Amino acid sequence: MNYSVGDRIITKKVHPCGSGEWEIIRVGADIKIKCLGCGRIVMVGLDKFPKLIKKHIVKD
């Protein structure tokens, strides 16, 4: 699957802040995502990233 900056994802598990929606802010050897609830930034490896996703919302 192709991921690009600005896309939003919904994860299978919710973040401790209560939000499950994230925005992709960097794509490379790993993916950096930002929680839309609290603003926390997390880096995830490309091998583990597809397992986290429940829904992928492509940026218009």
PDB file of N, CA and C in Angstrom:
ATOM      1  N   MET A   1       0.847  -1.185   0.000  1.00  0.00           N
ATOM      2  CA  MET A   1       0.000   0.000   0.000  1.00  0.00           C
ATOM      3  C   MET A   1       0.886   1.239   0.000  1.00  0.00           C
ATOM      4  N   ASN A   2       0.454   2.253  -0.688  1.00  0.00           N
ATOM      5  CA  ASN A   2       1.222   3.499  -0.761  1.00  0.00           C
ATOM      6  C   ASN A   2       0.740   4.475   0.303  1.00  0.00           C
ATOM      7  N   TYR A   3       1.683   4.978   1.053  1.00  0.00           N
ATOM      8  CA  TYR A   3       1.386   5.960   2.088  1.00  0.00           C
ATOM      9  C   TYR A   3       2.063   7.253   1.703  1.00  0.00           C
ATOM     10  N   SER A   4       1.407   8.371   1.954  1.00  0.00           N
ATOM     11  CA  SER A   4       2.026   9.663   1.656  1.00  0.00           C
ATOM     12  C   SER A   4       1.749  10.635   2.800  1.00  0.00           C
ATOM     13  N   VAL A   5       2.546  11.676   2.845  1.00  0.00           N
ATOM     14  CA  VAL A   5       2.417  12.693   3.884  1.00  0.00           C
ATOM     15  C   VAL A   5       1.051  13.348   3.781  1.00  0.00           C
ATOM     16  N   GLY A   6       0.390  13.487   4.914  1.00  0.00           N
ATOM     17  CA  GLY A   6      -0.928  14.109   4.957  1.00  0.00           C
ATOM     18  C   GLY A   6      -2.059  13.108   5.030  1.00  0.00           C
ATOM     19  N   ASP A   7      -1.791  11.839   4.708  1.00  0.00           N
ATOM     20  CA  ASP A   7      -2.820  10.811   4.830  1.00  0.00           C
ATOM     21  C   ASP A   7      -3.151  10.604   6.303  1.00  0.00           C
ATOM     22  N   ARG A   8      -4.363  10.177   6.567  1.00  0.00           N
ATOM     23  CA  ARG A   8      -4.771   9.888   7.942  1.00  0.00           C
ATOM     24  C   ARG A   8      -5.053   8.400   8.058  1.00  0.00           C
ATOM     25  N   ILE A   9      -4.778   7.867   9.232  1.00  0.00           N
ATOM     26  CA  ILE A   9      -5.061   6.459   9.495  1.00  0.00           C
ATOM     27  C   ILE A   9      -5.820   6.340  10.808  1.00  0.00           C
ATOM     28  N   ILE A  10      -6.566   5.262  10.921  1.00  0.00           N
ATOM     29  CA  ILE A  10      -7.217   4.908  12.178  1.00  0.00           C
ATOM     30  C   ILE A  10      -6.595   3.592  12.602  1.00  0.00           C
ATOM     31  N   THR A  11      -6.085   3.547  13.827  1.00  0.00           N
ATOM     32  CA  THR A  11      -5.384   2.362  14.315  1.00  0.00           C
ATOM     33  C   THR A  11      -6.340   1.401  15.003  1.00  0.00           C
ATOM     34  N   LYS A  12      -5.898   0.133  15.086  1.00  0.00           N
ATOM     35  CA  LYS A  12      -6.701  -0.888  15.752  1.00  0.00           C
ATOM     36  C   LYS A  12      -6.826  -0.601  17.247  1.00  0.00           C
ATOM     37  N   LYS A  13      -5.726  -0.169  17.864  1.00  0.00           N
ATOM     38  CA  LYS A  13      -5.740   0.188  19.281  1.00  0.00           C
ATOM     39  C   LYS A  13      -5.785   1.701  19.411  1.00  0.00           C
ATOM     40  N   VAL A  14      -6.524   2.198  20.371  1.00  0.00           N
ATOM     41  CA  VAL A  14      -6.571   3.641  20.590  1.00  0.00           C
ATOM     42  C   VAL A  14      -5.361   4.077  21.415  1.00  0.00           C
ATOM     43  N   HIS A  15      -4.967   5.304  21.232  1.00  0.00           N
ATOM     44  CA  HIS A  15      -3.863   5.908  21.986  1.00  0.00           C
ATOM     45  C   HIS A  15      -4.357   6.164  23.416  1.00  0.00           C
ATOM     46  N   PRO A  16      -3.466   6.189  24.400  1.00  0.00           N
ATOM     47  CA  PRO A  16      -3.902   6.450  25.782  1.00  0.00           C
ATOM     48  C   PRO A  16      -4.681   7.752  25.969  1.00  0.00           C
ATOM     49  N   CYS A  17      -4.517   8.711  25.065  1.00  0.00           N
ATOM     50  CA  CYS A  17      -5.278   9.962  25.179  1.00  0.00           C
ATOM     51  C   CYS A  17      -6.738   9.768  24.768  1.00  0.00           C
ATOM     52  N   GLY A  18      -7.045   8.630  24.140  1.00  0.00           N
ATOM     53  CA  GLY A  18      -8.417   8.346  23.745  1.00  0.00           C
ATOM     54  C   GLY A  18      -8.672   8.459  22.256  1.00  0.00           C
ATOM     55  N   SER A  19      -7.714   8.984  21.510  1.00  0.00           N
ATOM     56  CA  SER A  19      -7.874   9.147  20.072  1.00  0.00           C
ATOM     57  C   SER A  19      -7.261   7.956  19.341  1.00  0.00           C
ATOM     58  N   GLY A  20      -7.878   7.558  18.255  1.00  0.00           N
ATOM     59  CA  GLY A  20      -7.344   6.479  17.433  1.00  0.00           C
ATOM     60  C   GLY A  20      -6.979   6.962  16.055  1.00  0.00           C
ATOM     61  N   GLU A  21      -7.055   8.281  15.837  1.00  0.00           N
ATOM     62  CA  GLU A  21      -6.792   8.853  14.518  1.00  0.00           C
ATOM     63  C   GLU A  21      -5.414   9.505  14.498  1.00  0.00           C
ATOM     64  N   TRP A  22      -4.642   9.217  13.449  1.00  0.00           N
ATOM     65  CA  TRP A  22      -3.276   9.690  13.301  1.00  0.00           C
ATOM     66  C   TRP A  22      -3.076  10.282  11.913  1.00  0.00           C
ATOM     67  N   GLU A  23      -2.110  11.180  11.785  1.00  0.00           N
ATOM     68  CA  GLU A  23      -1.740  11.766  10.495  1.00  0.00           C
ATOM     69  C   GLU A  23      -0.294  11.402  10.191  1.00  0.00           C
ATOM     70  N   ILE A  24      -0.040  10.981   8.956  1.00  0.00           N
ATOM     71  CA  ILE A  24       1.322  10.644   8.540  1.00  0.00           C
ATOM     72  C   ILE A  24       2.057  11.949   8.248  1.00  0.00           C
ATOM     73  N   ILE A  25       3.203  12.151   8.925  1.00  0.00           N
ATOM     74  CA  ILE A  25       3.957  13.389   8.722  1.00  0.00           C
ATOM     75  C   ILE A  25       5.317  13.152   8.078  1.00  0.00           C
ATOM     76  N   ARG A  26       5.748  11.880   7.940  1.00  0.00           N
ATOM     77  CA  ARG A  26       7.020  11.588   7.281  1.00  0.00           C
ATOM     78  C   ARG A  26       6.996  10.147   6.797  1.00  0.00           C
ATOM     79  N   VAL A  27       7.491   9.933   5.572  1.00  0.00           N
ATOM     80  CA  VAL A  27       7.597   8.589   5.020  1.00  0.00           C
ATOM     81  C   VAL A  27       9.019   8.409   4.515  1.00  0.00           C
ATOM     82  N   GLY A  28       9.638   7.316   4.891  1.00  0.00           N
ATOM     83  CA  GLY A  28      11.006   7.012   4.469  1.00  0.00           C
ATOM     84  C   GLY A  28      11.309   5.581   4.840  1.00  0.00           C
ATOM     85  N   ALA A  29      12.440   5.352   5.485  1.00  0.00           N
ATOM     86  CA  ALA A  29      12.787   4.020   5.962  1.00  0.00           C
ATOM     87  C   ALA A  29      11.831   3.589   7.065  1.00  0.00           C
ATOM     88  N   ASP A  30      11.242   4.571   7.722  1.00  0.00           N
ATOM     89  CA  ASP A  30      10.188   4.329   8.698  1.00  0.00           C
ATOM     90  C   ASP A  30       9.131   5.398   8.491  1.00  0.00           C
ATOM     91  N   ILE A  31       8.033   5.284   9.213  1.00  0.00           N
ATOM     92  CA  ILE A  31       6.926   6.237   9.064  1.00  0.00           C
ATOM     93  C   ILE A  31       6.732   6.963  10.381  1.00  0.00           C
ATOM     94  N   LYS A  32       6.630   8.284  10.301  1.00  0.00           N
ATOM     95  CA  LYS A  32       6.390   9.101  11.486  1.00  0.00           C
ATOM     96  C   LYS A  32       4.928   9.533  11.439  1.00  0.00           C
ATOM     97  N   ILE A  33       4.210   9.249  12.541  1.00  0.00           N
ATOM     98  CA  ILE A  33       2.796   9.607  12.620  1.00  0.00           C
ATOM     99  C   ILE A  33       2.552  10.491  13.841  1.00  0.00           C
ATOM    100  N   LYS A  34       1.531  11.342  13.716  1.00  0.00           N
ATOM    101  CA  LYS A  34       1.190  12.287  14.785  1.00  0.00           C
ATOM    102  C   LYS A  34      -0.240  12.027  15.233  1.00  0.00           C
ATOM    103  N   CYS A  35      -0.420  11.880  16.549  1.00  0.00           N
ATOM    104  CA  CYS A  35      -1.750  11.672  17.115  1.00  0.00           C
ATOM    105  C   CYS A  35      -2.560  12.959  16.961  1.00  0.00           C
ATOM    106  N   LEU A  36      -3.778  12.831  16.453  1.00  0.00           N
ATOM    107  CA  LEU A  36      -4.613  14.010  16.267  1.00  0.00           C
ATOM    108  C   LEU A  36      -5.359  14.400  17.542  1.00  0.00           C
ATOM    109  N   GLY A  37      -5.225  13.594  18.576  1.00  0.00           N
ATOM    110  CA  GLY A  37      -5.852  13.922  19.852  1.00  0.00           C
ATOM    111  C   GLY A  37      -4.945  14.774  20.728  1.00  0.00           C
ATOM    112  N   CYS A  38      -3.696  14.334  20.903  1.00  0.00           N
ATOM    113  CA  CYS A  38      -2.802  15.017  21.839  1.00  0.00           C
ATOM    114  C   CYS A  38      -1.547  15.592  21.185  1.00  0.00           C
ATOM    115  N   GLY A  39      -1.262  15.228  19.928  1.00  0.00           N
ATOM    116  CA  GLY A  39      -0.099  15.775  19.237  1.00  0.00           C
ATOM    117  C   GLY A  39       1.174  14.970  19.401  1.00  0.00           C
ATOM    118  N   ARG A  40       1.120  13.841  20.079  1.00  0.00           N
ATOM    119  CA  ARG A  40       2.303  12.985  20.266  1.00  0.00           C
ATOM    120  C   ARG A  40       2.779  12.462  18.913  1.00  0.00           C
ATOM    121  N   ILE A  41       4.089  12.427  18.710  1.00  0.00           N
ATOM    122  CA  ILE A  41       4.672  11.935  17.472  1.00  0.00           C
ATOM    123  C   ILE A  41       5.373  10.613  17.742  1.00  0.00           C
ATOM    124  N   VAL A  42       5.102   9.623  16.885  1.00  0.00           N
ATOM    125  CA  VAL A  42       5.647   8.280  17.040  1.00  0.00           C
ATOM    126  C   VAL A  42       6.236   7.829  15.709  1.00  0.00           C
ATOM    127  N   MET A  43       7.388   7.133  15.769  1.00  0.00           N
ATOM    128  CA  MET A  43       7.982   6.558  14.566  1.00  0.00           C
ATOM    129  C   MET A  43       7.745   5.053  14.581  1.00  0.00           C
ATOM    130  N   VAL A  44       7.306   4.520  13.437  1.00  0.00           N
ATOM    131  CA  VAL A  44       6.999   3.102  13.311  1.00  0.00           C
ATOM    132  C   VAL A  44       7.727   2.563  12.086  1.00  0.00           C
ATOM    133  N   GLY A  45       8.311   1.385  12.199  1.00  0.00           N
ATOM    134  CA  GLY A  45       8.989   0.756  11.073  1.00  0.00           C
ATOM    135  C   GLY A  45       8.017   0.341   9.987  1.00  0.00           C
ATOM    136  N   LEU A  46       8.494   0.307   8.745  1.00  0.00           N
ATOM    137  CA  LEU A  46       7.631  -0.068   7.624  1.00  0.00           C
ATOM    138  C   LEU A  46       7.106  -1.494   7.730  1.00  0.00           C
ATOM    139  N   ASP A  47       7.853  -2.379   8.375  1.00  0.00           N
ATOM    140  CA  ASP A  47       7.401  -3.755   8.513  1.00  0.00           C
ATOM    141  C   ASP A  47       6.246  -3.891   9.505  1.00  0.00           C
ATOM    142  N   LYS A  48       6.188  -3.046  10.527  1.00  0.00           N
ATOM    143  CA  LYS A  48       5.138  -3.130  11.549  1.00  0.00           C
ATOM    144  C   LYS A  48       3.939  -2.225  11.255  1.00  0.00           C
ATOM    145  N   PHE A  49       4.134  -1.233  10.403  1.00  0.00           N
ATOM    146  CA  PHE A  49       3.088  -0.233  10.169  1.00  0.00           C
ATOM    147  C   PHE A  49       1.773  -0.809   9.633  1.00  0.00           C
ATOM    148  N   PRO A  50       1.789  -1.685   8.611  1.00  0.00           N
ATOM    149  CA  PRO A  50       0.501  -2.197   8.096  1.00  0.00           C
ATOM    150  C   PRO A  50      -0.311  -2.975   9.130  1.00  0.00           C
ATOM    151  N   LYS A  51       0.341  -3.556  10.127  1.00  0.00           N
ATOM    152  CA  LYS A  51      -0.360  -4.323  11.158  1.00  0.00           C
ATOM    153  C   LYS A  51      -1.138  -3.421  12.112  1.00  0.00           C
ATOM    154  N   LEU A  52      -0.766  -2.150  12.210  1.00  0.00           N
ATOM    155  CA  LEU A  52      -1.420  -1.212  13.121  1.00  0.00           C
ATOM    156  C   LEU A  52      -2.714  -0.624  12.558  1.00  0.00           C
ATOM    157  N   ILE A  53      -2.836  -0.641  11.244  1.00  0.00           N
ATOM    158  CA  ILE A  53      -3.896   0.113  10.576  1.00  0.00           C
ATOM    159  C   ILE A  53      -5.222  -0.626  10.542  1.00  0.00           C
ATOM    160  N   LYS A  54      -6.269   0.102  10.897  1.00  0.00           N
ATOM    161  CA  LYS A  54      -7.638  -0.386  10.759  1.00  0.00           C
ATOM    162  C   LYS A  54      -8.246   0.203   9.482  1.00  0.00           C
ATOM    163  N   LYS A  55      -7.991   1.505   9.253  1.00  0.00           N
ATOM    164  CA  LYS A  55      -8.536   2.192   8.080  1.00  0.00           C
ATOM    165  C   LYS A  55      -7.541   3.251   7.612  1.00  0.00           C
ATOM    166  N   HIS A  56      -7.381   3.366   6.299  1.00  0.00           N
ATOM    167  CA  HIS A  56      -6.472   4.350   5.691  1.00  0.00           C
ATOM    168  C   HIS A  56      -7.314   5.373   4.939  1.00  0.00           C
ATOM    169  N   ILE A  57      -7.192   6.635   5.319  1.00  0.00           N
ATOM    170  CA  ILE A  57      -7.950   7.714   4.686  1.00  0.00           C
ATOM    171  C   ILE A  57      -6.967   8.538   3.860  1.00  0.00           C
ATOM    172  N   VAL A  58      -7.115   8.478   2.529  1.00  0.00           N
ATOM    173  CA  VAL A  58      -6.177   9.148   1.628  1.00  0.00           C
ATOM    174  C   VAL A  58      -6.500  10.630   1.563  1.00  0.00           C
ATOM    175  N   LYS A  59      -5.446  11.447   1.586  1.00  0.00           N
ATOM    176  CA  LYS A  59      -5.588  12.902   1.482  1.00  0.00           C
ATOM    177  C   LYS A  59      -6.080  13.269   0.086  1.00  0.00           C
ATOM    178  N   ASP A  60      -6.989  14.204   0.023  1.00  0.00           N
ATOM    179  CA  ASP A  60      -7.532  14.637  -1.296  1.00  0.00           C
ATOM    180  C   ASP A  60      -6.531  15.462  -2.052  1.00  0.00           C
TER     181      ASP A  60
END
